Amino acid sequence: MGISLSNISKSYKKVKAVQDISFDVNPGELFGLIGPDGAGKTTIFRILTTLLIPDEGTATVAGFDVVKDYKVIRKAVGYMPGRFSLYQDLTVEENLTFFATIFGTTIEENYDLIEDIYVQIKPFKDRRAGKLSGGMKQKLALSCALIHKPKVLFLDEPTTGVDPVSRKEFWEMLKRLQKKGITILVSTPYMDEAALCDRIALIQSGEILEIDTPKAIVSQFPKTIYNVGADNMYKLIQSLQQYEHVYSVFPFGEFVHYTDKRDSFEMADLQSYLEKEGLTAIHIESTKANIEDAFMELAR
């Protein structure tokens, strides 16, 4: 039970949120929609979960049209929005029971699907949802989205604002859910999470930049990247941006990712230039491209 979008467009007043979006998600696939805030990810999710009607184009979820068959789709999908939207004055168990009841099921009936997740929050089952930590809220929201055993699961930026340990645990849970045959579409602004998906769509300003496996997208990067470091990061970036042979400059952790216009590049030339700029403790080494580098290149 997959997902298909064909030439989907949606505007808010005069602002184009998404423009001619087309992609397919295969049944049982873990597909990532990767892009910064404002790229159009949430608009796509709301269209696919029948909360918005597109201005143009068609979309299907599990074989059903998002406009004509919205009632069927709402029963067949699980949706975890980016903002915590459960009832904060209800306890963990009350929230889960409530959502199970809405879909005409019980916690016990589909407990095998959420067991790995719920066992971590069960000790807090009598605690109000609003009093949970960010990681626990995330696990409760995922449990509520799964309690009716959906065919397709939509997760809109599920790890935003969550600590690194909880983020890692969350992706491990998604891998286990995928093995149970659930099709998963997840959006995230975190480029490092892209590598955890089977395939990804890079999106910027409402348009798809590229769709492929993370490995294939990275392999298409056209330049050699260099990690460049120095004693003054701000001055280093300015100096590199002003270098006559510069192709691109992007801060990346403790280094700057630098690419050169020339086919034959000598580190000594750049070293000499930076020394003349008054920089010290200069470090230059080649490195491998990653998803973030690929995204920045495609968005140029």
Protein backbone atom coordinates (compact mmCIF):
# COMPACT_ATOMS: atom_id res chain seq x y z
CA MET A 1 0.00 0.00 0.00
CA GLY A 2 2.01 2.95 -1.28
CA ILE A 3 1.68 6.66 -1.96
CA SER A 4 1.55 8.53 -5.26
CA LEU A 5 1.56 12.27 -6.01
CA SER A 6 1.23 13.73 -9.51
CA ASN A 7 1.75 17.46 -10.19
CA ILE A 8 0.46 18.54 -6.79
CA SER A 9 0.33 22.31 -6.22
CA LYS A 10 -1.02 24.28 -3.26
CA SER A 11 -1.03 28.00 -2.52
CA TYR A 12 -1.88 30.04 0.55
CA LYS A 13 -3.24 33.34 -0.76
CA LYS A 14 -0.46 34.38 -3.20
CA VAL A 15 2.28 32.20 -1.73
CA LYS A 16 3.08 28.90 -3.50
CA ALA A 17 3.56 26.33 -0.74
CA VAL A 18 4.24 23.45 -3.14
CA GLN A 19 4.58 23.53 -6.92
CA ASP A 20 4.17 20.54 -9.29
CA ILE A 21 5.20 17.93 -6.73
CA SER A 22 5.36 14.36 -8.04
CA PHE A 23 6.79 11.26 -6.40
CA ASP A 24 5.87 7.69 -5.46
CA VAL A 25 6.46 5.79 -2.24
CA ASN A 26 6.61 2.03 -2.67
CA PRO A 27 4.65 -0.31 -0.38
CA GLY A 28 6.68 -1.13 2.73
CA GLU A 29 9.22 1.61 2.02
CA LEU A 30 10.70 4.06 4.53
CA PHE A 31 10.71 7.26 2.50
CA GLY A 32 12.13 10.57 3.70
CA LEU A 33 11.03 14.08 2.75
CA ILE A 34 14.10 16.14 3.55
CA GLY A 35 14.27 19.92 3.64
CA PRO A 36 14.42 23.04 5.83
CA ASP A 37 11.53 24.76 7.56
CA GLY A 38 9.17 26.35 5.02
CA ALA A 39 10.14 23.94 2.24
CA GLY A 40 6.58 22.57 1.91
CA LYS A 41 6.88 19.30 3.82
CA THR A 42 3.92 19.87 6.16
CA THR A 43 1.68 21.01 3.28
CA ILE A 44 2.39 17.73 1.47
CA PHE A 45 1.61 15.75 4.63
CA ARG A 46 -1.67 17.59 5.14
CA ILE A 47 -2.72 16.90 1.56
CA LEU A 48 -1.87 13.20 1.86
CA THR A 49 -3.73 12.87 5.17
CA THR A 50 -6.80 14.63 3.63
CA LEU A 51 -6.54 17.74 5.83
CA LEU A 52 -5.96 19.97 2.79
CA ILE A 53 -7.30 19.82 -0.76
CA PRO A 54 -4.68 20.49 -3.45
CA ASP A 55 -5.27 23.30 -5.95
CA GLU A 56 -3.97 21.13 -8.78
CA GLY A 57 -2.87 17.55 -9.35
CA THR A 58 -3.85 14.19 -7.91
CA ALA A 59 -2.65 12.05 -5.04
CA THR A 60 -3.45 8.56 -3.77
CA VAL A 61 -2.69 6.82 -0.48
CA ALA A 62 -2.97 3.03 -0.27
CA GLY A 63 -4.73 3.18 -3.66
CA PHE A 64 -7.37 5.71 -2.56
CA ASP A 65 -7.81 9.25 -3.89
CA VAL A 66 -7.16 11.92 -1.24
CA VAL A 67 -10.21 13.94 -2.30
CA LYS A 68 -12.80 11.36 -3.32
CA ASP A 69 -11.89 8.70 -0.76
CA TYR A 70 -10.90 10.85 2.22
CA LYS A 71 -13.05 8.88 4.69
CA VAL A 72 -11.37 5.59 3.75
CA ILE A 73 -7.89 7.13 3.91
CA ARG A 74 -8.45 8.54 7.40
CA LYS A 75 -9.11 5.03 8.67
CA ALA A 76 -6.15 3.54 6.80
CA VAL A 77 -3.38 5.94 7.87
CA GLY A 78 -1.63 7.02 11.04
CA TYR A 79 -0.53 10.65 11.33
CA MET A 80 1.92 12.14 13.80
CA PRO A 81 2.07 15.93 13.25
CA GLY A 82 5.15 17.98 13.99
CA ARG A 83 3.59 19.66 17.01
CA PHE A 84 2.52 17.52 19.98
CA SER A 85 -1.27 17.43 19.59
CA LEU A 86 -2.54 14.89 22.11
CA TYR A 87 -4.72 15.82 25.07
CA GLN A 88 -2.26 17.16 27.61
CA ASP A 89 -4.72 16.99 30.51
CA LEU A 90 -5.36 13.26 29.92
CA THR A 91 -2.99 10.58 31.17
CA VAL A 92 -0.86 8.41 28.90
CA GLU A 93 -3.30 5.50 29.15
CA GLU A 94 -6.37 7.74 28.71
CA ASN A 95 -4.94 9.22 25.50
CA LEU A 96 -4.17 5.80 24.08
CA THR A 97 -7.59 4.43 25.03
CA PHE A 98 -9.31 7.47 23.52
CA PHE A 99 -7.62 7.09 20.12
CA ALA A 100 -8.21 3.34 20.08
CA THR A 101 -11.91 3.91 20.77
CA ILE A 102 -12.21 6.46 17.95
CA PHE A 103 -11.08 3.82 15.47
CA GLY A 104 -13.28 1.13 16.96
CA THR A 105 -10.51 -0.95 18.48
CA THR A 106 -8.82 -1.52 21.83
CA ILE A 107 -5.29 -1.24 23.16
CA GLU A 108 -5.18 -5.01 23.63
CA GLU A 109 -6.26 -5.80 20.06
CA ASN A 110 -3.22 -4.16 18.44
CA TYR A 111 -0.85 -4.21 21.40
CA ASP A 112 1.68 -6.32 19.50
CA LEU A 113 2.23 -3.39 17.11
CA ILE A 114 3.03 -0.84 19.83
CA GLU A 115 4.52 -3.15 22.47
CA ASP A 116 8.17 -2.18 21.79
CA ILE A 117 7.25 1.50 22.10
CA TYR A 118 4.63 1.41 24.84
CA VAL A 119 6.75 -0.67 27.22
CA GLN A 120 9.02 2.39 27.57
CA ILE A 121 6.19 4.71 28.63
CA LYS A 122 4.04 2.20 30.53
CA PRO A 123 5.67 3.10 33.89
CA PHE A 124 4.20 6.60 33.35
CA LYS A 125 0.75 5.46 32.21
CA ASP A 126 -0.99 7.49 34.95
CA ARG A 127 0.97 10.68 34.25
CA ARG A 128 -0.70 13.50 32.34
CA ALA A 129 0.63 13.78 28.78
CA GLY A 130 1.52 17.44 29.26
CA LYS A 131 3.96 16.47 32.04
CA LEU A 132 5.98 14.02 29.92
CA SER A 133 9.47 14.73 28.60
CA GLY A 134 9.97 15.43 24.90
CA GLY A 135 11.09 11.87 24.17
CA MET A 136 8.18 10.34 26.07
CA LYS A 137 5.67 12.62 24.31
CA GLN A 138 7.13 11.44 21.02
CA LYS A 139 6.68 7.76 21.94
CA LEU A 140 3.11 8.35 23.14
CA ALA A 141 2.21 10.21 19.94
CA LEU A 142 3.64 7.36 17.84
CA SER A 143 1.70 4.78 19.88
CA CYS A 144 -1.55 6.72 19.33
CA ALA A 145 -0.83 6.96 15.59
CA LEU A 146 -0.35 3.17 15.42
CA ILE A 147 -3.08 1.91 17.73
CA HIS A 148 -5.54 1.23 14.88
CA LYS A 149 -2.92 -0.67 12.82
CA PRO A 150 -2.58 1.73 9.86
CA LYS A 151 -1.36 0.67 6.44
CA VAL A 152 0.56 3.92 5.94
CA LEU A 153 2.27 6.00 8.63
CA PHE A 154 2.96 9.74 8.24
CA LEU A 155 5.47 11.32 10.60
CA ASP A 156 5.97 15.07 10.20
CA GLU A 157 9.32 16.12 11.73
CA PRO A 158 8.91 13.62 14.60
CA THR A 159 12.38 14.18 16.11
CA THR A 160 12.50 17.98 16.13
CA GLY A 161 13.52 19.20 19.58
CA VAL A 162 14.20 15.68 20.86
CA ASP A 163 17.49 14.70 22.49
CA PRO A 164 20.04 12.63 20.46
CA VAL A 165 19.42 9.41 22.41
CA SER A 166 15.65 9.59 21.88
CA ARG A 167 16.19 10.40 18.20
CA LYS A 168 18.31 7.25 17.79
CA GLU A 169 15.73 5.12 19.63
CA PHE A 170 12.93 6.57 17.49
CA TRP A 171 14.60 5.59 14.21
CA GLU A 172 15.25 2.12 15.53
CA MET A 173 11.51 1.86 16.24
CA LEU A 174 10.71 2.96 12.67
CA LYS A 175 12.96 0.22 11.26
CA ARG A 176 11.10 -2.37 13.33
CA LEU A 177 7.72 -1.03 12.18
CA GLN A 178 8.87 -1.17 8.57
CA LYS A 179 9.62 -4.88 8.99
CA LYS A 180 5.96 -5.34 9.93
CA GLY A 181 4.93 -4.15 6.47
CA ILE A 182 3.93 -0.57 7.25
CA THR A 183 4.70 2.05 4.60
CA ILE A 184 6.34 5.03 6.29
CA LEU A 185 6.70 8.60 5.04
CA VAL A 186 8.77 10.75 7.39
CA SER A 187 9.83 14.38 7.04
CA THR A 188 12.82 15.94 8.74
CA PRO A 189 15.08 19.00 8.51
CA TYR A 190 17.98 16.91 9.87
CA MET A 191 20.21 15.88 6.98
CA ASP A 192 21.91 13.14 9.00
CA GLU A 193 18.56 11.32 9.29
CA ALA A 194 18.28 11.12 5.50
CA ALA A 195 20.81 8.28 5.42
CA LEU A 196 18.42 6.17 7.53
CA CYS A 197 15.74 6.15 4.79
CA ASP A 198 15.45 3.75 1.84
CA ARG A 199 14.91 6.68 -0.52
CA ILE A 200 14.58 10.43 -0.05
CA ALA A 201 13.15 13.46 -1.78
CA LEU A 202 15.11 16.66 -1.22
CA ILE A 203 12.72 19.62 -1.18
CA GLN A 204 13.30 23.38 -1.14
CA SER A 205 10.85 26.26 -1.58
CA GLY A 206 8.01 23.92 -2.51
CA GLU A 207 9.91 22.11 -5.28
CA ILE A 208 11.58 18.70 -5.42
CA LEU A 209 15.32 18.97 -6.07
CA GLU A 210 16.13 15.26 -6.34
CA ILE A 211 14.67 11.84 -5.54
CA ASP A 212 16.87 8.77 -5.09
CA THR A 213 18.61 6.66 -2.48
CA PRO A 214 20.82 8.70 -0.11
CA LYS A 215 23.92 6.90 -1.44
CA ALA A 216 23.04 7.66 -5.07
CA ILE A 217 22.39 11.35 -4.36
CA VAL A 218 25.71 11.77 -2.55
CA SER A 219 27.59 9.92 -5.31
CA GLN A 220 26.45 12.57 -7.82
CA PHE A 221 28.25 15.38 -5.99
CA PRO A 222 30.46 16.94 -8.70
CA LYS A 223 33.39 18.31 -6.69
CA THR A 224 36.03 17.28 -4.18
CA ILE A 225 35.25 18.76 -0.76
CA TYR A 226 37.89 20.06 1.62
CA ASN A 227 37.63 20.50 5.36
CA VAL A 228 39.23 23.87 6.12
CA GLY A 229 39.91 25.10 9.64
CA ALA A 230 41.72 28.08 11.16
CA ASP A 231 42.03 30.11 14.36
CA ASN A 232 39.21 32.51 13.42
CA MET A 233 36.14 30.82 11.90
CA TYR A 234 34.33 34.05 10.96
CA LYS A 235 37.37 35.50 9.19
CA LEU A 236 38.04 32.12 7.55
CA ILE A 237 34.57 32.06 5.98
CA GLN A 238 34.92 35.64 4.76
CA SER A 239 38.35 34.98 3.28
CA LEU A 240 37.23 31.80 1.50
CA GLN A 241 34.18 33.56 0.05
CA GLN A 242 36.47 36.22 -1.40
CA TYR A 243 39.01 33.77 -2.84
CA GLU A 244 39.16 34.09 -6.64
CA HIS A 245 38.88 30.34 -7.23
CA VAL A 246 36.04 29.62 -4.79
CA TYR A 247 33.10 27.48 -5.92
CA SER A 248 31.26 27.03 -2.60
CA VAL A 249 31.77 27.67 1.11
CA PHE A 250 29.55 26.26 3.87
CA PRO A 251 30.18 26.07 7.64
CA PHE A 252 30.17 22.46 8.82
CA GLY A 253 30.81 21.85 12.51
CA GLU A 254 34.34 22.86 13.47
CA PHE A 255 35.35 23.14 9.80
CA VAL A 256 34.27 24.89 6.64
CA HIS A 257 33.39 22.75 3.62
CA TYR A 258 35.17 24.31 0.65
CA THR A 259 35.07 23.43 -3.06
CA ASP A 260 37.22 24.96 -5.77
CA LYS A 261 36.36 25.98 -9.35
CA ARG A 262 39.56 24.53 -10.77
CA ASP A 263 39.98 20.95 -11.93
CA SER A 264 43.51 20.87 -10.56
CA PHE A 265 43.59 22.19 -7.02
CA GLU A 266 46.67 22.51 -4.83
CA MET A 267 46.17 22.77 -1.08
CA ALA A 268 49.39 24.79 -0.86
CA ASP A 269 47.84 27.57 -2.96
CA LEU A 270 44.91 27.91 -0.59
CA GLN A 271 47.20 27.62 2.44
CA SER A 272 49.34 30.47 1.13
CA TYR A 273 46.30 32.65 0.43
CA LEU A 274 44.85 32.14 3.92
CA GLU A 275 48.19 32.91 5.55
CA LYS A 276 48.34 36.19 3.63
CA GLU A 277 44.86 36.91 5.01
CA GLY A 278 46.37 36.74 8.49
CA LEU A 279 44.90 33.39 9.53
CA THR A 280 46.84 30.89 11.63
CA ALA A 281 46.42 27.24 12.71
CA ILE A 282 45.27 26.50 9.17
CA HIS A 283 44.13 22.94 8.46
CA ILE A 284 43.13 21.65 5.00
CA GLU A 285 42.20 18.06 4.11
CA SER A 286 39.94 16.36 1.59
CA THR A 287 36.75 14.77 2.86
CA LYS A 288 33.73 12.87 1.54
CA ALA A 289 30.51 14.60 0.52
CA ASN A 290 27.35 13.95 2.54
CA ILE A 291 23.62 14.58 2.12
CA GLU A 292 23.92 18.16 3.39
CA ASP A 293 26.61 18.92 0.81
CA ALA A 294 24.44 17.39 -1.92
CA PHE A 295 21.43 19.42 -0.78
CA MET A 296 23.37 22.70 -0.76
CA GLU A 297 24.71 21.96 -4.23
CA LEU A 298 21.26 21.19 -5.64
CA ALA A 299 19.78 24.30 -3.99
CA ARG A 300 22.42 26.63 -5.51
